[in-house]
Protein backbone atom coordinates (compact mmCIF):
# COMPACT_ATOMS: atom_id res chain seq x y z
CA MET A 1 -10.32 -17.99 1.51
CA ASN A 2 -8.35 -18.10 4.77
CA LEU A 3 -11.26 -17.90 7.18
CA THR A 4 -9.14 -17.54 10.23
CA ALA A 5 -7.17 -14.58 8.86
CA SER A 6 -10.41 -13.05 7.87
CA SER A 7 -12.15 -13.45 11.13
CA THR A 8 -9.13 -12.18 12.85
CA LYS A 9 -9.10 -9.10 10.78
CA SER A 10 -12.72 -8.60 11.28
CA ALA A 11 -12.36 -9.04 15.16
CA ALA A 12 -9.57 -6.41 15.09
CA ARG A 13 -11.61 -4.03 13.49
CA LYS A 14 -14.61 -4.40 15.84
CA ALA A 15 -12.02 -4.15 18.83
CA VAL A 16 -10.62 -0.71 17.59
CA LYS A 17 -11.31 1.94 20.13
CA ARG A 18 -13.09 4.68 18.34
CA SER A 19 -12.54 7.48 20.83
CA THR A 20 -11.17 10.84 21.31
CA LEU A 21 -10.65 13.09 24.62
CA SER A 22 -13.43 15.51 25.16
CA PRO A 23 -12.71 18.72 27.02
CA ASN A 24 -13.49 17.11 30.39
CA GLY A 25 -10.97 14.35 29.69
CA LYS A 26 -13.70 11.47 29.06
CA ALA A 27 -13.62 9.33 26.14
CA LYS A 28 -15.73 10.39 23.25
CA LYS A 29 -16.73 8.06 20.37
CA VAL A 30 -15.82 9.39 16.80
CA LYS A 31 -18.74 8.76 14.58
CA THR A 32 -18.35 11.26 12.09
CA VAL A 33 -15.42 12.99 10.47
CA GLY A 34 -15.26 16.06 8.32
CA VAL A 35 -12.55 16.87 5.68
CA LEU A 36 -11.60 19.69 3.58
CA THR A 37 -8.89 20.65 0.98
CA SER A 38 -7.84 24.25 1.33
CA GLY A 39 -5.35 26.63 -0.36
CA GLY A 40 -3.90 26.16 -3.78
CA ASP A 41 -4.67 22.85 -5.52
CA CYS A 42 -1.91 20.29 -6.47
CA SER A 43 -1.54 16.67 -7.84
CA GLY A 44 -2.15 14.18 -5.02
CA LEU A 45 -5.21 15.59 -3.29
CA ASN A 46 -7.50 13.13 -4.54
CA PRO A 47 -5.44 10.13 -3.74
CA THR A 48 -5.17 11.54 -0.20
CA LEU A 49 -8.99 12.03 -0.03
CA ARG A 50 -9.31 8.40 -1.37
CA ALA A 51 -7.08 6.81 1.19
CA LEU A 52 -8.41 8.85 4.23
CA VAL A 53 -12.12 8.29 3.49
CA LYS A 54 -11.66 4.59 2.34
CA THR A 55 -9.44 3.79 5.59
CA LEU A 56 -12.04 5.52 7.93
CA ILE A 57 -15.09 3.53 6.48
CA ASN A 58 -13.22 0.12 5.87
CA ASP A 59 -11.11 0.12 9.48
CA TYR A 60 -13.68 2.08 11.53
CA GLY A 61 -17.06 2.30 9.91
CA VAL A 62 -17.41 6.22 10.49
CA LYS A 63 -19.37 8.49 8.37
CA VAL A 64 -17.25 11.10 6.43
CA ILE A 65 -18.44 14.61 5.42
CA GLY A 66 -16.56 16.66 2.97
CA TYR A 67 -16.64 20.40 2.79
CA ARG A 68 -16.88 21.99 -0.50
CA ASP A 69 -14.16 24.45 -1.55
CA GLY A 70 -12.20 24.39 1.70
CA PHE A 71 -13.18 26.48 4.51
CA ARG A 72 -15.76 28.18 2.23
CA GLY A 73 -17.76 25.07 2.79
CA MET A 74 -17.51 25.30 6.48
CA ILE A 75 -18.36 29.19 6.52
CA GLU A 76 -21.53 28.54 4.10
CA ASN A 77 -22.36 25.11 5.54
CA ASP A 78 -21.82 23.63 1.99
CA TYR A 79 -20.88 20.01 2.36
CA VAL A 80 -21.49 16.50 0.70
CA GLU A 81 -21.12 12.98 2.50
CA LEU A 82 -18.38 10.97 1.10
CA ASP A 83 -19.05 7.27 0.78
CA TYR A 84 -16.83 4.53 -1.05
CA LYS A 85 -18.32 5.30 -4.34
CA SER A 86 -17.40 8.91 -3.97
CA VAL A 87 -13.76 8.43 -3.79
CA SER A 88 -13.42 5.36 -5.89
CA GLY A 89 -11.36 5.72 -9.36
CA ILE A 90 -9.78 9.00 -8.42
CA ILE A 91 -6.17 8.13 -7.60
CA ASP A 92 -4.96 9.32 -10.98
CA LYS A 93 -7.00 12.38 -10.97
CA GLY A 94 -5.34 15.78 -10.55
CA GLY A 95 -7.10 18.69 -8.50
CA THR A 96 -9.58 17.80 -5.62
CA ILE A 97 -13.08 16.50 -6.16
CA LEU A 98 -13.95 18.60 -3.16
CA GLY A 99 -12.87 21.89 -4.66
CA THR A 100 -10.57 24.16 -2.68
CA SER A 101 -10.32 27.94 -1.85
CA ASN A 102 -7.14 30.15 -1.04
CA LYS A 103 -9.44 33.15 0.07
CA ALA A 104 -12.00 31.54 2.72
CA ASN A 105 -10.77 32.08 6.35
CA PRO A 106 -13.17 31.50 9.24
CA PHE A 107 -11.13 33.74 11.58
CA ARG A 108 -10.55 36.70 9.09
CA GLN A 109 -13.50 36.25 6.44
CA TYR A 110 -13.75 38.95 3.98
CA GLN A 111 -16.97 40.96 3.77
CA PRO A 112 -17.64 42.24 0.19
CA LYS A 113 -20.52 44.69 1.34
CA THR A 114 -18.41 46.61 3.85
CA GLY A 115 -14.78 45.71 2.79
CA GLU A 116 -14.10 44.53 6.42
CA PHE A 117 -12.98 41.31 7.73
CA LYS A 118 -15.00 39.22 10.39
CA ASP A 119 -14.19 36.27 12.75
CA VAL A 120 -16.87 33.69 12.03
CA SER A 121 -15.15 30.74 13.56
CA LYS A 122 -17.40 30.31 16.58
CA LYS A 123 -20.42 30.03 13.84
CA VAL A 124 -18.28 27.63 11.93
CA ILE A 125 -17.72 25.26 14.83
CA ALA A 126 -21.14 25.31 16.03
CA ASP A 127 -22.49 24.30 12.41
CA ALA A 128 -20.03 21.65 12.37
CA LYS A 129 -21.25 20.14 15.63
CA LYS A 130 -24.85 20.33 14.58
CA LEU A 131 -23.62 18.05 11.64
CA GLY A 132 -22.37 15.76 14.19
CA ILE A 133 -18.88 16.01 13.23
CA ASP A 134 -16.67 14.91 15.99
CA ALA A 135 -13.23 15.52 14.27
CA LEU A 136 -11.94 17.37 11.24
CA VAL A 137 -9.06 16.65 8.84
CA ALA A 138 -7.59 19.68 7.17
CA ILE A 139 -5.53 19.27 4.12
CA GLY A 140 -3.41 22.23 3.29
CA GLY A 141 -0.44 24.38 3.96
CA ASP A 142 0.95 26.55 6.63
CA GLY A 143 -2.21 28.74 6.79
CA THR A 144 -4.41 25.76 6.96
CA MET A 145 -2.46 24.34 9.72
CA SER A 146 -2.66 27.50 11.68
CA MET A 147 -6.41 27.40 11.58
CA ALA A 148 -6.28 23.68 12.35
CA ALA A 149 -4.54 24.51 15.52
CA ARG A 150 -7.11 27.11 16.47
CA PHE A 151 -9.96 24.85 15.85
CA THR A 152 -8.84 22.26 18.24
CA ASP A 153 -8.26 24.78 20.97
CA MET A 154 -11.92 26.10 20.36
CA GLY A 155 -13.33 22.43 20.76
CA LEU A 156 -13.19 21.00 17.17
CA PRO A 157 -10.30 18.24 17.28
CA THR A 158 -8.21 18.51 14.07
CA VAL A 159 -5.67 16.64 12.24
CA GLY A 160 -3.36 18.05 9.44
CA ILE A 161 -2.33 16.57 6.29
CA PRO A 162 0.49 18.62 4.74
CA LYS A 163 -0.19 19.86 1.00
CA THR A 164 1.92 22.32 -1.05
CA ILE A 165 3.77 21.86 -4.37
CA ASP A 166 6.34 24.56 -2.85
CA ASN A 167 7.68 21.68 -0.36
CA ASP A 168 8.09 24.60 2.13
CA LEU A 169 6.08 23.22 5.28
CA MET A 170 8.32 22.61 8.31
CA ALA A 171 8.34 19.26 10.01
CA THR A 172 7.82 17.23 7.05
CA ASP A 173 10.59 15.96 4.54
CA LEU A 174 8.38 16.09 1.59
CA THR A 175 4.85 17.14 0.71
CA PHE A 176 2.78 15.40 -1.97
CA GLY A 177 2.46 17.36 -5.30
CA PHE A 178 6.02 18.59 -5.07
CA HIS A 179 7.48 15.96 -7.15
CA SER A 180 4.66 16.24 -9.72
CA ALA A 181 5.41 19.95 -9.96
CA VAL A 182 9.20 19.16 -10.55
CA GLN A 183 8.37 16.66 -13.22
CA VAL A 184 6.58 19.51 -15.24
CA VAL A 185 9.60 21.83 -14.80
CA CYS A 186 11.89 19.05 -15.93
CA GLU A 187 9.78 18.25 -19.00
CA ALA A 188 9.33 21.98 -19.73
CA ILE A 189 13.22 22.46 -19.70
CA ASP A 190 13.47 19.21 -22.01
CA ARG A 191 11.26 20.74 -24.42
CA ILE A 192 12.38 24.35 -24.48
CA ASN A 193 15.91 22.93 -24.69
CA THR A 194 15.62 21.79 -28.12
CA THR A 195 14.20 25.23 -29.40
CA ALA A 196 16.77 27.22 -27.64
CA MET A 197 19.38 25.06 -29.41
CA SER A 198 17.67 25.63 -32.53
CA HIS A 199 17.39 29.39 -32.35
CA HIS A 200 20.65 30.07 -30.21
CA ARG A 201 18.49 31.72 -27.62
CA VAL A 202 18.47 32.52 -23.78
CA MET A 203 15.48 30.85 -22.34
CA VAL A 204 14.15 32.05 -19.03
CA ILE A 205 11.72 29.57 -17.51
CA GLU A 206 9.68 31.06 -14.39
CA ALA A 207 8.64 28.32 -11.87
CA MET A 208 6.49 28.54 -8.85
CA GLY A 209 8.14 29.15 -5.49
CA ARG A 210 7.31 32.30 -3.69
CA TYR A 211 9.52 32.07 -0.60
CA ALA A 212 11.35 29.01 -1.23
CA GLY A 213 13.14 27.60 -4.26
CA TRP A 214 12.61 23.91 -3.89
CA ILE A 215 10.76 23.68 -7.20
CA ALA A 216 13.23 25.61 -9.14
CA LEU A 217 16.11 23.77 -7.68
CA TYR A 218 14.92 20.26 -8.14
CA GLY A 219 13.34 21.08 -11.51
CA GLY A 220 16.37 22.93 -12.64
CA VAL A 221 18.95 20.37 -11.59
CA ALA A 222 16.89 17.45 -13.16
CA GLY A 223 16.44 19.48 -16.26
CA GLY A 224 20.29 20.43 -16.56
CA ALA A 225 19.59 24.19 -16.44
CA ASP A 226 22.70 26.37 -16.83
CA VAL A 227 21.45 29.03 -14.29
CA ILE A 228 18.92 28.46 -11.27
CA LEU A 229 17.74 31.48 -9.45
CA ILE A 230 16.03 30.83 -6.18
CA PRO A 231 14.57 33.28 -3.32
CA GLU A 232 17.34 31.95 -0.86
CA ILE A 233 20.23 33.28 -3.06
CA PRO A 234 19.79 36.85 -4.36
CA TYR A 235 21.38 37.04 -7.79
CA SER A 236 23.43 39.55 -9.96
CA VAL A 237 22.01 40.21 -13.27
CA GLU A 238 25.53 40.97 -14.52
CA SER A 239 26.66 37.43 -13.31
CA VAL A 240 23.81 35.94 -14.97
CA ALA A 241 24.61 37.82 -18.22
CA LYS A 242 28.27 36.60 -18.01
CA VAL A 243 27.31 32.94 -18.06
CA CYS A 244 25.06 33.50 -21.22
CA GLU A 245 28.15 35.29 -22.84
CA ARG A 246 30.53 32.68 -21.83
CA ARG A 247 28.53 29.84 -23.06
CA ASN A 248 27.99 31.71 -26.52
CA LYS A 249 31.62 32.24 -26.81
CA GLN A 250 32.24 28.44 -26.07
CA GLY A 251 30.06 27.56 -28.97
CA LYS A 252 27.16 26.45 -26.90
CA GLY A 253 24.77 29.10 -28.42
CA PHE A 254 22.07 28.98 -25.96
CA THR A 255 21.38 29.07 -22.18
CA ILE A 256 18.64 27.77 -20.01
CA ILE A 257 17.74 29.80 -16.86
CA VAL A 258 15.17 28.58 -14.33
CA ILE A 259 13.92 31.37 -12.11
CA ALA A 260 11.60 30.91 -8.90
CA GLU A 261 8.83 33.48 -8.80
CA GLY A 262 10.02 34.73 -5.44
CA ALA A 263 13.73 35.19 -6.50
CA LYS A 264 15.28 38.65 -6.04
CA PRO A 265 18.25 40.41 -7.44
CA ILE A 266 20.79 41.71 -4.79
CA GLY A 267 19.33 44.60 -3.03
CA GLY A 268 15.90 44.25 -4.95
CA GLU A 269 12.54 43.11 -3.81
CA LEU A 270 9.75 40.47 -4.74
CA THR A 271 8.09 41.03 -8.19
CA VAL A 272 4.37 41.51 -7.20
CA GLN A 273 1.73 41.22 -10.01
CA LYS A 274 -1.06 42.30 -7.84
CA ILE A 275 -2.67 42.40 -4.55
CA VAL A 276 -5.79 40.14 -3.61
CA LYS A 277 -7.49 41.95 -0.39
CA ASP A 278 -9.80 38.69 0.25
CA SER A 279 -6.98 36.10 0.10
CA PHE A 280 -5.19 34.23 2.82
CA ASP A 281 -1.89 35.81 1.38
CA GLN A 282 -2.79 39.06 -0.38
CA ILE A 283 0.50 39.19 -2.50
CA ARG A 284 0.45 37.68 -6.08
CA LEU A 285 3.72 37.30 -7.36
CA GLY A 286 4.51 37.13 -11.18
CA GLY A 287 6.61 38.66 -13.76
CA VAL A 288 10.20 38.18 -12.39
CA GLY A 289 11.14 36.21 -15.61
CA MET A 290 10.04 38.94 -17.84
CA GLN A 291 11.97 41.49 -15.62
CA LEU A 292 15.18 39.49 -15.75
CA ALA A 293 14.84 39.25 -19.48
CA THR A 294 14.30 42.89 -20.02
CA GLN A 295 17.51 43.46 -17.77
CA LEU A 296 19.65 40.80 -19.60
CA GLU A 297 18.84 42.34 -22.76
CA GLN A 298 20.70 45.40 -21.62
CA TRP A 299 23.76 43.43 -20.66
CA ILE A 300 23.84 40.99 -23.92
CA PRO A 301 21.97 42.88 -26.74
CA ARG A 302 23.38 40.53 -29.35
CA LEU A 303 21.52 37.53 -27.74
CA GLU A 304 17.71 36.98 -27.89
CA VAL A 305 16.07 36.40 -24.70
CA ARG A 306 12.65 34.67 -24.46
CA VAL A 307 10.51 33.82 -21.28
CA THR A 308 8.08 30.88 -20.58
CA VAL A 309 5.99 31.26 -17.44
CA LEU A 310 4.95 27.73 -16.23
CA GLY A 311 2.35 28.94 -13.68
CA HIS A 312 -0.56 26.67 -12.93
CA LEU A 313 0.74 23.85 -15.12
CA GLN A 314 2.88 22.92 -12.21
CA ARG A 315 -0.23 22.28 -10.11
CA GLY A 316 -2.52 20.49 -12.45
CA GLY A 317 -2.55 17.01 -14.12
CA SER A 318 -2.25 13.40 -12.94
CA PRO A 319 0.16 12.96 -9.98
CA ILE A 320 3.09 10.97 -10.58
CA ALA A 321 3.54 7.48 -8.91
CA PHE A 322 5.70 8.89 -5.99
CA ASP A 323 2.98 11.45 -5.12
CA ARG A 324 0.33 8.81 -5.46
CA LEU A 325 2.25 6.53 -3.04
CA LEU A 326 2.93 9.58 -0.55
CA SER A 327 -0.48 10.74 -0.60
CA THR A 328 -1.92 7.40 0.18
CA ARG A 329 0.35 7.07 3.07
CA PHE A 330 -0.61 10.32 4.48
CA GLY A 331 -4.44 9.64 4.07
CA VAL A 332 -4.18 6.41 5.77
CA HIS A 333 -2.02 7.54 8.54
CA ALA A 334 -4.15 10.73 9.20
CA ALA A 335 -7.27 8.53 9.53
CA HIS A 336 -5.69 6.32 12.21
CA MET A 337 -4.51 9.63 14.01
CA VAL A 338 -8.07 10.84 14.17
CA MET A 339 -9.20 7.54 15.70
CA ARG A 340 -6.21 7.52 18.14
CA GLY A 341 -7.15 10.98 19.15
CA GLU A 342 -3.94 12.69 18.09
CA PHE A 343 -5.36 15.94 17.48
CA ALA A 344 -3.51 19.35 16.87
CA ARG A 345 -1.08 17.27 15.08
CA MET A 346 -0.05 16.70 11.44
CA ALA A 347 0.99 13.57 9.53
CA ALA A 348 4.62 13.96 8.33
CA LEU A 349 7.16 12.36 6.34
CA ARG A 350 10.42 11.75 8.25
CA GLY A 351 12.98 9.74 6.34
CA ASN A 352 11.09 6.66 5.17
CA GLU A 353 8.35 6.85 7.84
CA ILE A 354 5.16 8.60 8.22
CA VAL A 355 4.83 10.23 11.70
CA SER A 356 2.79 12.55 13.82
CA VAL A 357 3.99 15.98 14.59
CA PRO A 358 2.63 18.82 16.51
CA ILE A 359 1.03 21.33 14.23
CA ALA A 360 2.73 24.10 16.37
CA GLU A 361 5.85 23.10 14.44
CA VAL A 362 4.41 23.76 11.30
CA ALA A 363 1.68 26.65 11.53
CA GLY A 364 2.75 29.96 10.09
CA LYS A 365 6.30 28.71 9.23
CA ASN A 366 8.30 28.26 6.11
CA LYS A 367 10.98 25.63 5.21
CA PHE A 368 13.53 27.22 3.14
CA VAL A 369 16.54 25.81 1.09
CA PRO A 370 19.47 25.57 3.07
CA LEU A 371 22.55 27.29 1.33
CA ASP A 372 24.66 24.11 2.08
CA HIS A 373 22.12 21.83 0.66
CA ASP A 374 23.73 18.94 -1.19
CA LEU A 375 21.88 19.44 -4.48
CA ILE A 376 23.22 23.19 -4.56
CA ARG A 377 26.68 21.81 -4.00
CA ALA A 378 26.04 19.08 -6.63
CA ALA A 379 24.64 21.51 -9.09
CA LYS A 380 27.53 23.87 -8.74
CA SER A 381 30.05 21.03 -9.22
CA VAL A 382 28.70 20.31 -12.60
CA GLY A 383 28.85 24.00 -13.60
CA THR A 384 25.50 25.44 -12.78
CA SER A 385 25.17 29.17 -11.70
CA PHE A 386 23.10 30.40 -9.01
CA GLY A 387 23.69 34.08 -10.07
CA GLU A 388 26.05 34.72 -7.40
CA PRO A 389 28.60 37.48 -7.91
CA GLU A 390 31.73 36.19 -9.52
CA ALA A 391 35.20 36.74 -7.89
């Protein structure tokens, strides 16, 4: 054992300045940190929690409290202390050991008895302070980041970690969970491809992606889809039908179509499955794949069209290696951000570096696929259609 190196490391840890700035500008020691996972689950949440908690304990010796089921835990004061044992052995586990919710909102919490919404944020912050929480780490999407920014303004210093399989958060090149979801789409195409060839069918695969088509684009290109339909490019059913007919005449005998749940035909609207009143985002999409199949059968009655909806398969399962690495880097960086007092900010990937960005750049915003994205250009070069009207 290198005693000199060990002593130096120990001294460095003790010398770390565990402080934040209180409203009066004076230094305030961080002794307890709260953490929650909010919104839809995805692969990579547990590796993130593992990295965050272990770094806070190992490098700073602080106490960590985890809120169960996201903001519901804060609203109902439902929490658990996270120690080293709590987060050991979870790097390969999907989902989140804390649970999550896409309904709880301290600033607009649904009241079942009255059917109204109530702002309970002041009580939530008061309860957190009673627990001794000096800072909060919120892991979630744009809605979570919006609330994180407001908490900081109200006196509960907060750091954000970006989480969404849709990869549609601004200010970060990638979010963990995205590439794991893309892998699911790619593997689904590989499997459906063989049955499509065997039965000479048109196969429509509906992927997640409500307002941005990153999953459908990456998964579709990786799987060699013949048609990729994303929200950013309204499609023509006639053009898609022509692709199917052309491939059939060329002897291909089958067509693979990947469509994002938020894709729209030219002049059309989102395909809404239902409205959930007590949720962050009340719109639930679904059924665009079946809608497309029904329309295609009118254009190409000789070809059989089948639909597969991947749904929550894209959220679940073990994170792939890339997402485990990205999650770990985000968790470690966020822990250091907390202890450096970098609040109302979010950990983000920029190029190959993890950096800190203002949450204001993220909150309530979406990152869409640019129409000149190099992957769109590459896909078109190899013959992939995006359903655009043919000249």
